[in-house]
N, C-alpha and C. Protein backbone atom coordinates (compact mmCIF):
# COMPACT_ATOMS: atom_id res chain seq x y z
N UNK A 1 0.81 -1.15 0.00
CA UNK A 1 0.00 0.00 0.00
C UNK A 1 0.87 1.24 0.00
N UNK A 2 0.41 2.19 -0.76
CA UNK A 2 1.22 3.40 -0.88
C UNK A 2 1.03 4.27 0.34
N UNK A 3 2.07 4.91 0.71
CA UNK A 3 2.03 5.79 1.89
C UNK A 3 1.42 7.11 1.50
N UNK A 4 0.61 7.63 2.38
CA UNK A 4 -0.01 8.92 2.12
C UNK A 4 0.95 10.02 2.49
N UNK A 5 0.99 10.97 1.61
CA UNK A 5 1.85 12.11 1.91
C UNK A 5 0.99 13.25 2.38
N UNK A 6 1.43 13.92 3.35
CA UNK A 6 0.72 15.09 3.85
C UNK A 6 1.22 16.30 3.09
N UNK A 7 0.29 17.04 2.57
CA UNK A 7 0.63 18.28 1.87
C UNK A 7 0.27 19.41 2.78
N UNK A 8 1.21 20.27 2.96
CA UNK A 8 1.00 21.40 3.83
C UNK A 8 0.44 22.55 2.99
N UNK A 9 -0.72 23.04 3.38
CA UNK A 9 -1.36 24.15 2.69
C UNK A 9 -1.01 25.41 3.44
N UNK A 10 -0.47 26.36 2.68
CA UNK A 10 -0.10 27.60 3.33
C UNK A 10 -1.32 28.48 3.48
N UNK A 11 -1.40 29.13 4.57
CA UNK A 11 -2.48 30.05 4.84
C UNK A 11 -2.24 31.32 4.03
N UNK A 12 -3.30 31.84 3.38
CA UNK A 12 -3.09 33.09 2.62
C UNK A 12 -2.81 34.25 3.55
N UNK A 13 -2.00 35.14 3.05
CA UNK A 13 -1.68 36.32 3.82
C UNK A 13 -2.76 37.34 3.55
N UNK A 14 -3.39 37.83 4.60
CA UNK A 14 -4.46 38.80 4.43
C UNK A 14 -3.86 40.18 4.25
N UNK A 15 -4.32 40.81 3.20
CA UNK A 15 -3.95 42.19 2.94
C UNK A 15 -5.22 43.02 3.03
N UNK A 16 -5.08 44.28 2.92
CA UNK A 16 -6.25 45.15 2.99
C UNK A 16 -6.93 45.23 1.62
N UNK A 17 -7.52 44.14 1.18
CA UNK A 17 -8.24 44.08 -0.10
C UNK A 17 -9.71 43.94 0.22
N UNK A 18 -10.50 44.85 -0.36
CA UNK A 18 -11.94 44.74 -0.17
C UNK A 18 -12.52 44.07 -1.40
N UNK A 19 -13.35 43.07 -1.21
CA UNK A 19 -13.91 42.38 -2.38
C UNK A 19 -14.90 43.29 -3.11
N UNK A 20 -15.04 43.05 -4.45
CA UNK A 20 -16.00 43.80 -5.26
C UNK A 20 -17.41 43.36 -4.88
N UNK A 21 -18.35 44.28 -4.88
CA UNK A 21 -19.73 43.88 -4.60
C UNK A 21 -20.25 43.05 -5.76
N UNK A 22 -21.19 42.17 -5.50
CA UNK A 22 -21.73 41.35 -6.59
C UNK A 22 -22.45 42.23 -7.62
N UNK A 23 -22.43 41.80 -8.90
CA UNK A 23 -23.06 42.54 -9.98
C UNK A 23 -24.57 42.40 -9.85
N UNK A 24 -25.23 43.51 -9.72
CA UNK A 24 -26.68 43.50 -9.56
C UNK A 24 -27.29 44.00 -10.86
N UNK A 25 -27.93 43.11 -11.61
CA UNK A 25 -28.52 43.48 -12.89
C UNK A 25 -29.93 44.02 -12.76
N UNK A 26 -30.53 43.94 -11.64
CA UNK A 26 -31.92 44.34 -11.47
C UNK A 26 -32.11 45.73 -10.85
N UNK A 27 -31.14 46.45 -10.68
CA UNK A 27 -31.34 47.78 -10.12
C UNK A 27 -30.05 48.28 -9.53
N UNK A 28 -29.95 49.59 -9.46
CA UNK A 28 -28.72 50.17 -8.94
C UNK A 28 -27.59 49.83 -9.88
N UNK A 29 -26.41 49.96 -9.44
CA UNK A 29 -25.26 49.52 -10.21
C UNK A 29 -24.92 50.42 -11.37
N UNK A 30 -24.28 49.86 -12.31
CA UNK A 30 -23.71 50.56 -13.45
C UNK A 30 -24.81 51.17 -14.33
N UNK A 31 -24.61 52.40 -14.80
CA UNK A 31 -25.55 53.11 -15.66
C UNK A 31 -25.81 52.34 -16.94
N UNK A 32 -24.73 51.84 -17.57
CA UNK A 32 -24.86 51.15 -18.85
C UNK A 32 -25.63 49.84 -18.71
N UNK A 33 -25.46 49.18 -17.61
CA UNK A 33 -26.19 47.93 -17.38
C UNK A 33 -27.66 48.25 -17.12
N UNK A 34 -27.89 49.27 -16.36
CA UNK A 34 -29.26 49.63 -15.97
C UNK A 34 -30.07 50.10 -17.19
N UNK A 35 -29.45 50.85 -18.08
CA UNK A 35 -30.18 51.43 -19.21
C UNK A 35 -29.72 50.86 -20.55
N UNK A 36 -29.33 49.60 -20.59
CA UNK A 36 -28.77 49.04 -21.82
C UNK A 36 -29.79 49.02 -22.96
N UNK A 37 -31.05 48.72 -22.69
CA UNK A 37 -32.04 48.68 -23.77
C UNK A 37 -32.34 50.07 -24.30
N UNK A 38 -32.34 51.04 -23.43
CA UNK A 38 -32.53 52.42 -23.88
C UNK A 38 -31.36 52.83 -24.78
N UNK A 39 -30.17 52.45 -24.39
CA UNK A 39 -28.99 52.78 -25.19
C UNK A 39 -29.01 52.06 -26.54
N UNK A 40 -29.43 50.80 -26.54
CA UNK A 40 -29.51 50.04 -27.80
C UNK A 40 -30.51 50.72 -28.74
N UNK A 41 -31.66 51.09 -28.24
CA UNK A 41 -32.68 51.74 -29.07
C UNK A 41 -32.16 53.09 -29.57
N UNK A 42 -31.49 53.85 -28.70
CA UNK A 42 -30.95 55.15 -29.11
C UNK A 42 -29.91 54.97 -30.22
N UNK A 43 -29.06 53.98 -30.10
CA UNK A 43 -28.05 53.73 -31.13
C UNK A 43 -28.72 53.34 -32.44
N UNK A 44 -29.76 52.52 -32.39
CA UNK A 44 -30.47 52.13 -33.60
C UNK A 44 -31.14 53.33 -34.27
N UNK A 45 -31.77 54.19 -33.49
CA UNK A 45 -32.43 55.37 -34.04
C UNK A 45 -31.41 56.31 -34.67
N UNK A 46 -30.31 56.53 -33.99
CA UNK A 46 -29.26 57.40 -34.53
C UNK A 46 -28.65 56.77 -35.77
N UNK A 47 -28.45 55.46 -35.76
CA UNK A 47 -27.93 54.77 -36.94
C UNK A 47 -28.88 54.89 -38.12
N UNK A 48 -30.19 54.75 -37.86
CA UNK A 48 -31.20 54.90 -38.91
C UNK A 48 -31.13 56.31 -39.49
N UNK A 49 -31.07 57.30 -38.60
CA UNK A 49 -31.01 58.68 -39.05
C UNK A 49 -29.75 58.93 -39.87
N UNK A 50 -28.62 58.43 -39.40
CA UNK A 50 -27.35 58.63 -40.10
C UNK A 50 -27.39 58.02 -41.50
N UNK A 51 -27.97 56.83 -41.61
CA UNK A 51 -27.99 56.12 -42.89
C UNK A 51 -28.99 56.74 -43.86
N UNK A 52 -30.16 57.16 -43.37
CA UNK A 52 -31.22 57.64 -44.25
C UNK A 52 -31.35 59.15 -44.29
N UNK A 53 -30.72 59.83 -43.35
CA UNK A 53 -30.82 61.29 -43.20
C UNK A 53 -32.25 61.73 -42.92
N UNK A 54 -33.04 60.86 -42.30
CA UNK A 54 -34.39 61.24 -41.88
C UNK A 54 -34.76 60.48 -40.61
N UNK A 55 -35.56 61.11 -39.80
CA UNK A 55 -36.00 60.49 -38.55
C UNK A 55 -37.13 59.52 -38.83
N UNK A 56 -37.25 58.44 -38.04
CA UNK A 56 -38.35 57.50 -38.24
C UNK A 56 -39.71 58.12 -37.91
N UNK A 57 -39.72 59.18 -37.12
CA UNK A 57 -40.97 59.86 -36.80
C UNK A 57 -41.00 61.14 -37.63
N UNK A 58 -42.05 61.27 -38.47
CA UNK A 58 -42.14 62.42 -39.36
C UNK A 58 -42.80 63.62 -38.67
N UNK A 59 -43.74 63.35 -37.76
CA UNK A 59 -44.44 64.43 -37.06
C UNK A 59 -45.02 63.88 -35.77
N UNK A 60 -45.35 64.79 -34.88
CA UNK A 60 -46.02 64.42 -33.64
C UNK A 60 -47.22 65.35 -33.50
N UNK A 61 -48.41 64.76 -33.38
CA UNK A 61 -49.64 65.54 -33.26
C UNK A 61 -50.26 65.22 -31.90
N UNK A 62 -50.29 66.22 -31.02
CA UNK A 62 -50.82 66.02 -29.67
C UNK A 62 -50.21 64.78 -29.02
N UNK A 63 -48.90 64.69 -29.08
CA UNK A 63 -48.12 63.61 -28.47
C UNK A 63 -48.30 62.26 -29.16
N UNK A 64 -48.97 62.23 -30.30
CA UNK A 64 -49.12 60.98 -31.06
C UNK A 64 -48.20 61.04 -32.28
N UNK A 65 -47.22 60.13 -32.37
CA UNK A 65 -46.28 60.18 -33.49
C UNK A 65 -46.89 59.69 -34.80
N UNK A 66 -46.47 60.30 -35.88
CA UNK A 66 -46.80 59.84 -37.23
C UNK A 66 -45.47 59.39 -37.82
N UNK A 67 -45.36 58.10 -38.09
CA UNK A 67 -44.08 57.54 -38.52
C UNK A 67 -43.91 57.60 -40.03
N UNK A 68 -42.66 57.50 -40.45
CA UNK A 68 -42.36 57.44 -41.87
C UNK A 68 -42.99 56.20 -42.50
N UNK A 69 -43.05 55.13 -41.74
CA UNK A 69 -43.67 53.90 -42.24
C UNK A 69 -45.13 54.16 -42.62
N UNK A 70 -45.86 54.88 -41.77
CA UNK A 70 -47.26 55.19 -42.06
C UNK A 70 -47.38 56.04 -43.33
N UNK A 71 -46.48 56.99 -43.48
CA UNK A 71 -46.50 57.84 -44.67
C UNK A 71 -46.18 57.02 -45.91
N UNK A 72 -45.14 56.19 -45.82
CA UNK A 72 -44.77 55.35 -46.96
C UNK A 72 -45.92 54.42 -47.36
N UNK A 73 -46.56 53.84 -46.37
CA UNK A 73 -47.67 52.92 -46.63
C UNK A 73 -48.82 53.66 -47.33
N UNK A 74 -49.13 54.85 -46.84
CA UNK A 74 -50.21 55.64 -47.43
C UNK A 74 -49.87 56.06 -48.86
N UNK A 75 -48.64 56.49 -49.08
CA UNK A 75 -48.22 56.88 -50.43
C UNK A 75 -48.26 55.69 -51.38
N UNK A 76 -47.83 54.52 -50.90
CA UNK A 76 -47.84 53.33 -51.75
C UNK A 76 -49.26 52.98 -52.14
N UNK A 77 -50.20 53.11 -51.21
CA UNK A 77 -51.59 52.82 -51.51
C UNK A 77 -52.17 53.80 -52.53
N UNK A 78 -51.68 55.04 -52.53
CA UNK A 78 -52.20 56.06 -53.44
C UNK A 78 -51.66 55.94 -54.86
N UNK A 79 -50.46 55.47 -55.04
CA UNK A 79 -49.92 55.38 -56.39
C UNK A 79 -48.60 54.65 -56.44
N UNK A 80 -48.30 53.95 -55.39
CA UNK A 80 -47.01 53.30 -55.29
C UNK A 80 -46.78 52.18 -56.28
N UNK A 81 -47.85 51.48 -56.66
CA UNK A 81 -47.66 50.38 -57.60
C UNK A 81 -47.19 50.91 -58.96
N UNK A 82 -47.75 52.05 -59.37
CA UNK A 82 -47.32 52.64 -60.64
C UNK A 82 -45.89 53.13 -60.54
N UNK A 83 -45.53 53.73 -59.42
CA UNK A 83 -44.16 54.20 -59.22
C UNK A 83 -43.20 53.01 -59.23
N UNK A 84 -43.59 51.91 -58.56
CA UNK A 84 -42.75 50.72 -58.54
C UNK A 84 -42.58 50.16 -59.95
N UNK A 85 -43.64 50.13 -60.74
CA UNK A 85 -43.55 49.65 -62.12
C UNK A 85 -42.63 50.55 -62.94
N UNK A 86 -42.72 51.86 -62.72
CA UNK A 86 -41.83 52.79 -63.43
C UNK A 86 -40.37 52.54 -63.07
N UNK A 87 -40.11 52.29 -61.80
CA UNK A 87 -38.73 52.01 -61.37
C UNK A 87 -38.22 50.69 -61.95
N UNK A 88 -39.10 49.70 -62.04
CA UNK A 88 -38.74 48.42 -62.66
C UNK A 88 -38.38 48.63 -64.12
N UNK A 89 -39.22 49.40 -64.83
CA UNK A 89 -38.96 49.67 -66.24
C UNK A 89 -37.65 50.43 -66.41
N UNK A 90 -37.41 51.42 -65.55
CA UNK A 90 -36.17 52.20 -65.64
C UNK A 90 -34.96 51.30 -65.41
N UNK A 91 -35.05 50.39 -64.44
CA UNK A 91 -33.93 49.48 -64.17
C UNK A 91 -33.68 48.57 -65.38
N UNK A 92 -34.75 48.06 -65.98
CA UNK A 92 -34.60 47.19 -67.16
C UNK A 92 -33.94 47.95 -68.31
N UNK A 93 -34.38 49.18 -68.54
CA UNK A 93 -33.82 49.97 -69.63
C UNK A 93 -32.35 50.27 -69.38
N UNK A 94 -31.99 50.66 -68.16
CA UNK A 94 -30.59 50.94 -67.84
C UNK A 94 -29.72 49.70 -68.04
N UNK A 95 -30.23 48.54 -67.60
CA UNK A 95 -29.47 47.30 -67.75
C UNK A 95 -29.25 46.98 -69.23
N UNK A 96 -30.30 47.16 -70.03
CA UNK A 96 -30.19 46.85 -71.45
C UNK A 96 -29.25 47.82 -72.16
N UNK A 97 -29.32 49.09 -71.80
CA UNK A 97 -28.43 50.07 -72.41
C UNK A 97 -26.97 49.76 -72.05
N UNK A 98 -26.74 49.35 -70.82
CA UNK A 98 -25.38 49.00 -70.40
C UNK A 98 -24.90 47.76 -71.17
N UNK A 99 -25.80 46.80 -71.34
CA UNK A 99 -25.45 45.58 -72.07
C UNK A 99 -25.12 45.90 -73.54
N UNK A 100 -25.88 46.82 -74.13
CA UNK A 100 -25.65 47.20 -75.52
C UNK A 100 -24.48 48.17 -75.68
N UNK A 101 -24.07 48.76 -74.57
CA UNK A 101 -22.98 49.74 -74.63
C UNK A 101 -23.41 51.06 -75.24
N UNK A 102 -24.69 51.39 -75.09
CA UNK A 102 -25.23 52.62 -75.66
C UNK A 102 -25.28 53.68 -74.57
N UNK A 103 -24.59 54.79 -74.82
CA UNK A 103 -24.61 55.90 -73.87
C UNK A 103 -24.41 57.20 -74.64
N UNK A 104 -25.26 58.18 -74.39
CA UNK A 104 -25.07 59.46 -75.07
C UNK A 104 -23.87 60.21 -74.50
N UNK A 105 -23.30 61.07 -75.28
CA UNK A 105 -22.16 61.86 -74.83
C UNK A 105 -22.66 63.05 -74.01
N UNK A 106 -21.76 63.66 -73.27
CA UNK A 106 -22.11 64.86 -72.49
C UNK A 106 -22.57 65.98 -73.42
N UNK A 107 -21.97 66.06 -74.59
CA UNK A 107 -22.35 67.10 -75.55
C UNK A 107 -23.79 66.91 -76.01
N UNK A 108 -24.20 65.66 -76.22
CA UNK A 108 -25.58 65.38 -76.62
C UNK A 108 -26.56 65.74 -75.51
N UNK A 109 -26.18 65.44 -74.27
CA UNK A 109 -27.04 65.78 -73.13
C UNK A 109 -27.16 67.30 -72.99
N UNK A 110 -26.04 68.01 -73.12
CA UNK A 110 -26.06 69.47 -73.04
C UNK A 110 -26.90 70.06 -74.16
N UNK A 111 -26.80 69.50 -75.36
CA UNK A 111 -27.59 69.99 -76.50
C UNK A 111 -29.08 69.83 -76.22
N UNK A 112 -29.46 68.71 -75.61
CA UNK A 112 -30.87 68.47 -75.29
C UNK A 112 -31.35 69.46 -74.23
N UNK A 113 -30.51 69.75 -73.24
CA UNK A 113 -30.88 70.71 -72.20
C UNK A 113 -31.06 72.10 -72.82
N UNK A 114 -30.17 72.47 -73.73
CA UNK A 114 -30.30 73.77 -74.42
C UNK A 114 -31.57 73.81 -75.26
N UNK A 115 -31.91 72.70 -75.89
CA UNK A 115 -33.15 72.61 -76.67
C UNK A 115 -34.36 72.82 -75.78
N UNK A 116 -34.33 72.24 -74.58
CA UNK A 116 -35.42 72.42 -73.62
C UNK A 116 -35.51 73.88 -73.20
N UNK A 117 -34.36 74.50 -72.93
CA UNK A 117 -34.35 75.91 -72.51
C UNK A 117 -34.91 76.81 -73.59
N UNK A 118 -34.58 76.52 -74.86
CA UNK A 118 -35.10 77.34 -75.97
C UNK A 118 -36.60 77.19 -76.12
N UNK A 119 -37.16 76.05 -75.72
CA UNK A 119 -38.59 75.81 -75.83
C UNK A 119 -39.41 76.42 -74.70
N UNK A 120 -38.77 77.02 -73.72
CA UNK A 120 -39.48 77.63 -72.61
C UNK A 120 -40.09 78.96 -73.02
N UNK A 121 -41.15 79.35 -72.31
CA UNK A 121 -41.78 80.65 -72.53
C UNK A 121 -40.82 81.75 -72.10
N UNK A 122 -40.93 82.94 -72.67
CA UNK A 122 -40.09 84.05 -72.24
C UNK A 122 -40.29 84.34 -70.74
N UNK A 123 -39.20 84.49 -70.03
CA UNK A 123 -39.26 84.76 -68.60
C UNK A 123 -39.19 83.51 -67.73
N UNK A 124 -39.38 82.34 -68.33
CA UNK A 124 -39.29 81.11 -67.56
C UNK A 124 -37.83 80.68 -67.46
N UNK A 125 -37.48 80.14 -66.31
CA UNK A 125 -36.13 79.62 -66.11
C UNK A 125 -36.22 78.13 -65.80
N UNK A 126 -35.35 77.37 -66.42
CA UNK A 126 -35.37 75.91 -66.25
C UNK A 126 -35.15 75.51 -64.79
N UNK A 127 -34.22 76.17 -64.12
CA UNK A 127 -33.95 75.83 -62.72
C UNK A 127 -35.19 76.01 -61.84
N UNK A 128 -35.92 77.09 -62.05
CA UNK A 128 -37.13 77.34 -61.25
C UNK A 128 -38.23 76.34 -61.57
N UNK A 129 -38.36 75.98 -62.84
CA UNK A 129 -39.36 74.98 -63.23
C UNK A 129 -39.03 73.61 -62.62
N UNK A 130 -37.75 73.27 -62.62
CA UNK A 130 -37.33 72.00 -62.03
C UNK A 130 -37.63 72.00 -60.53
N UNK A 131 -37.33 73.10 -59.87
CA UNK A 131 -37.57 73.20 -58.42
C UNK A 131 -39.06 73.06 -58.11
N UNK A 132 -39.91 73.70 -58.94
CA UNK A 132 -41.36 73.61 -58.72
C UNK A 132 -41.86 72.18 -58.90
N UNK A 133 -41.24 71.44 -59.80
CA UNK A 133 -41.67 70.06 -60.04
C UNK A 133 -40.99 69.07 -59.11
N UNK A 134 -40.11 69.57 -58.23
CA UNK A 134 -39.44 68.68 -57.28
C UNK A 134 -38.31 67.88 -57.90
N UNK A 135 -37.70 68.43 -58.92
CA UNK A 135 -36.63 67.73 -59.63
C UNK A 135 -35.36 68.57 -59.59
N UNK A 136 -34.24 67.90 -59.59
CA UNK A 136 -32.95 68.60 -59.63
C UNK A 136 -32.40 68.52 -61.06
N UNK A 137 -31.40 69.34 -61.32
CA UNK A 137 -30.75 69.32 -62.63
C UNK A 137 -30.10 67.96 -62.87
N UNK A 138 -29.54 67.36 -61.83
CA UNK A 138 -28.90 66.05 -61.96
C UNK A 138 -29.95 64.99 -62.36
N UNK A 139 -31.13 65.06 -61.77
CA UNK A 139 -32.19 64.11 -62.13
C UNK A 139 -32.64 64.31 -63.57
N UNK A 140 -32.74 65.57 -64.00
CA UNK A 140 -33.09 65.86 -65.39
C UNK A 140 -32.04 65.29 -66.33
N UNK A 141 -30.77 65.50 -66.00
CA UNK A 141 -29.68 64.98 -66.83
C UNK A 141 -29.76 63.45 -66.93
N UNK A 142 -30.10 62.79 -65.83
CA UNK A 142 -30.21 61.33 -65.82
C UNK A 142 -31.36 60.87 -66.73
N UNK A 143 -32.48 61.58 -66.65
CA UNK A 143 -33.62 61.22 -67.52
C UNK A 143 -33.29 61.45 -68.99
N UNK A 144 -32.63 62.55 -69.28
CA UNK A 144 -32.24 62.83 -70.66
C UNK A 144 -31.27 61.76 -71.15
N UNK A 145 -30.35 61.36 -70.29
CA UNK A 145 -29.38 60.32 -70.65
C UNK A 145 -30.10 59.02 -71.02
N UNK A 146 -31.09 58.65 -70.22
CA UNK A 146 -31.86 57.43 -70.50
C UNK A 146 -32.64 57.58 -71.80
N UNK A 147 -33.31 58.74 -71.95
CA UNK A 147 -34.12 58.97 -73.14
C UNK A 147 -33.27 58.92 -74.41
N UNK A 148 -32.14 59.62 -74.40
CA UNK A 148 -31.27 59.60 -75.58
C UNK A 148 -30.69 58.21 -75.83
N UNK A 149 -30.36 57.50 -74.76
CA UNK A 149 -29.85 56.14 -74.91
C UNK A 149 -30.88 55.21 -75.55
N UNK A 150 -32.13 55.32 -75.11
CA UNK A 150 -33.20 54.49 -75.69
C UNK A 150 -33.41 54.85 -77.15
N UNK A 151 -33.41 56.15 -77.45
CA UNK A 151 -33.58 56.57 -78.84
C UNK A 151 -32.46 56.01 -79.72
N UNK A 152 -31.23 56.06 -79.22
CA UNK A 152 -30.10 55.52 -79.99
C UNK A 152 -30.26 54.01 -80.20
N UNK A 153 -30.60 53.30 -79.12
CA UNK A 153 -30.73 51.84 -79.21
C UNK A 153 -31.82 51.45 -80.19
N UNK A 154 -32.95 52.13 -80.14
CA UNK A 154 -34.08 51.78 -81.00
C UNK A 154 -33.82 52.19 -82.44
N UNK A 155 -33.27 53.37 -82.64
CA UNK A 155 -33.00 53.80 -84.03
C UNK A 155 -31.93 52.93 -84.68
N UNK A 156 -30.95 52.49 -83.92
CA UNK A 156 -29.94 51.58 -84.48
C UNK A 156 -30.56 50.24 -84.83
N UNK A 157 -31.44 49.75 -83.97
CA UNK A 157 -32.04 48.43 -84.16
C UNK A 157 -33.10 48.43 -85.25
N UNK A 158 -33.97 49.46 -85.25
CA UNK A 158 -35.11 49.48 -86.16
C UNK A 158 -34.86 50.26 -87.44
N UNK A 159 -33.67 50.84 -87.58
CA UNK A 159 -33.34 51.61 -88.78
C UNK A 159 -34.36 52.73 -89.02
N UNK A 160 -34.62 53.51 -87.97
CA UNK A 160 -35.58 54.62 -88.05
C UNK A 160 -34.79 55.91 -88.02
N UNK A 161 -35.20 56.83 -88.83
CA UNK A 161 -34.60 58.17 -88.77
C UNK A 161 -35.10 58.84 -87.51
N UNK A 162 -34.24 59.56 -86.84
CA UNK A 162 -34.63 60.14 -85.55
C UNK A 162 -35.70 61.22 -85.67
N UNK A 163 -35.99 61.69 -86.89
CA UNK A 163 -37.02 62.71 -87.05
C UNK A 163 -38.42 62.10 -87.21
N UNK A 164 -38.54 60.81 -87.33
CA UNK A 164 -39.84 60.15 -87.44
C UNK A 164 -40.35 59.86 -86.02
N UNK A 165 -40.87 60.87 -85.37
CA UNK A 165 -41.21 60.82 -83.95
C UNK A 165 -42.26 59.75 -83.63
N UNK A 166 -43.34 59.69 -84.40
CA UNK A 166 -44.40 58.72 -84.09
C UNK A 166 -43.90 57.29 -84.18
N UNK A 167 -43.22 57.01 -85.25
CA UNK A 167 -42.69 55.65 -85.44
C UNK A 167 -41.66 55.32 -84.36
N UNK A 168 -40.86 56.32 -83.99
CA UNK A 168 -39.85 56.13 -82.95
C UNK A 168 -40.52 55.80 -81.62
N UNK A 169 -41.56 56.54 -81.26
CA UNK A 169 -42.26 56.28 -79.99
C UNK A 169 -42.90 54.89 -79.98
N UNK A 170 -43.44 54.50 -81.12
CA UNK A 170 -44.04 53.17 -81.24
C UNK A 170 -42.98 52.08 -81.06
N UNK A 171 -41.83 52.26 -81.68
CA UNK A 171 -40.75 51.28 -81.56
C UNK A 171 -40.17 51.25 -80.15
N UNK A 172 -40.08 52.42 -79.52
CA UNK A 172 -39.60 52.46 -78.13
C UNK A 172 -40.55 51.68 -77.24
N UNK A 173 -41.85 51.87 -77.42
CA UNK A 173 -42.85 51.13 -76.64
C UNK A 173 -42.70 49.62 -76.82
N UNK A 174 -42.53 49.19 -78.07
CA UNK A 174 -42.34 47.76 -78.34
C UNK A 174 -41.05 47.24 -77.70
N UNK A 175 -39.99 48.04 -77.79
CA UNK A 175 -38.69 47.64 -77.23
C UNK A 175 -38.78 47.47 -75.72
N UNK A 176 -39.42 48.42 -75.05
CA UNK A 176 -39.56 48.36 -73.59
C UNK A 176 -40.43 47.17 -73.20
N UNK A 177 -41.52 46.95 -73.91
CA UNK A 177 -42.39 45.79 -73.61
C UNK A 177 -41.63 44.48 -73.81
N UNK A 178 -40.78 44.42 -74.82
CA UNK A 178 -39.94 43.23 -75.04
C UNK A 178 -38.99 43.01 -73.87
N UNK A 179 -38.43 44.11 -73.35
CA UNK A 179 -37.56 43.99 -72.17
C UNK A 179 -38.33 43.43 -70.99
N UNK A 180 -39.54 43.94 -70.77
CA UNK A 180 -40.36 43.48 -69.64
C UNK A 180 -40.74 42.02 -69.79
N UNK A 181 -41.04 41.62 -71.01
CA UNK A 181 -41.46 40.24 -71.26
C UNK A 181 -40.31 39.26 -70.99
N UNK A 182 -39.10 39.64 -71.39
CA UNK A 182 -37.96 38.74 -71.26
C UNK A 182 -37.26 38.81 -69.91
N UNK A 183 -37.62 39.77 -69.09
CA UNK A 183 -36.94 39.96 -67.81
C UNK A 183 -37.50 39.06 -66.72
N UNK A 184 -36.68 38.78 -65.75
CA UNK A 184 -37.11 38.04 -64.56
C UNK A 184 -37.32 39.08 -63.46
N UNK A 185 -38.57 39.38 -63.20
CA UNK A 185 -38.91 40.40 -62.20
C UNK A 185 -39.78 39.75 -61.15
N UNK A 186 -39.37 39.89 -59.89
CA UNK A 186 -40.17 39.38 -58.78
C UNK A 186 -40.78 40.59 -58.08
N UNK A 187 -42.08 40.64 -58.03
CA UNK A 187 -42.77 41.74 -57.39
C UNK A 187 -43.26 41.29 -56.02
N UNK A 188 -43.04 42.10 -55.02
CA UNK A 188 -43.46 41.78 -53.66
C UNK A 188 -44.49 42.79 -53.18
N UNK A 189 -45.31 43.24 -54.09
CA UNK A 189 -46.36 44.18 -53.71
C UNK A 189 -47.64 43.79 -54.38
């Protein structure tokens, strides 16, 4: 039988160390622990604002908030499906123009803007008209770019002179409908 060895355990030397109080998660204690959910919500709201540059609450009426979600839902019910279809069509057209490598030059876009300015009534300014319609010059330039790109793509494909406006519009309509027919679009509305 093996002999048992006695191990001598040294007594710890007591110093003036005060133990930490137990962590109390239900009250008192650390500010961050006590208000962690408030802080999480505040960070999410600030993050939302930073990313979208708008608050989730659009207005407060007699202490009752009106949220952006409510506004978006109401706007969608009023005409959102048509807006969504327009955005789908615009995305299809942009993708097709990129695939075909069709893009108007800056000079062509500027020429079209000058043509629009010449067609205005005396005293009217394009910038003021754009502002009244809720559009910026950059948005106008983007629309003109798409319009000229579509005209180029269709006139190249259908061998139409660009001055045959009716026939051009008819061919553009057929071209866009062909894009919609051949595209894979999933609608969630």
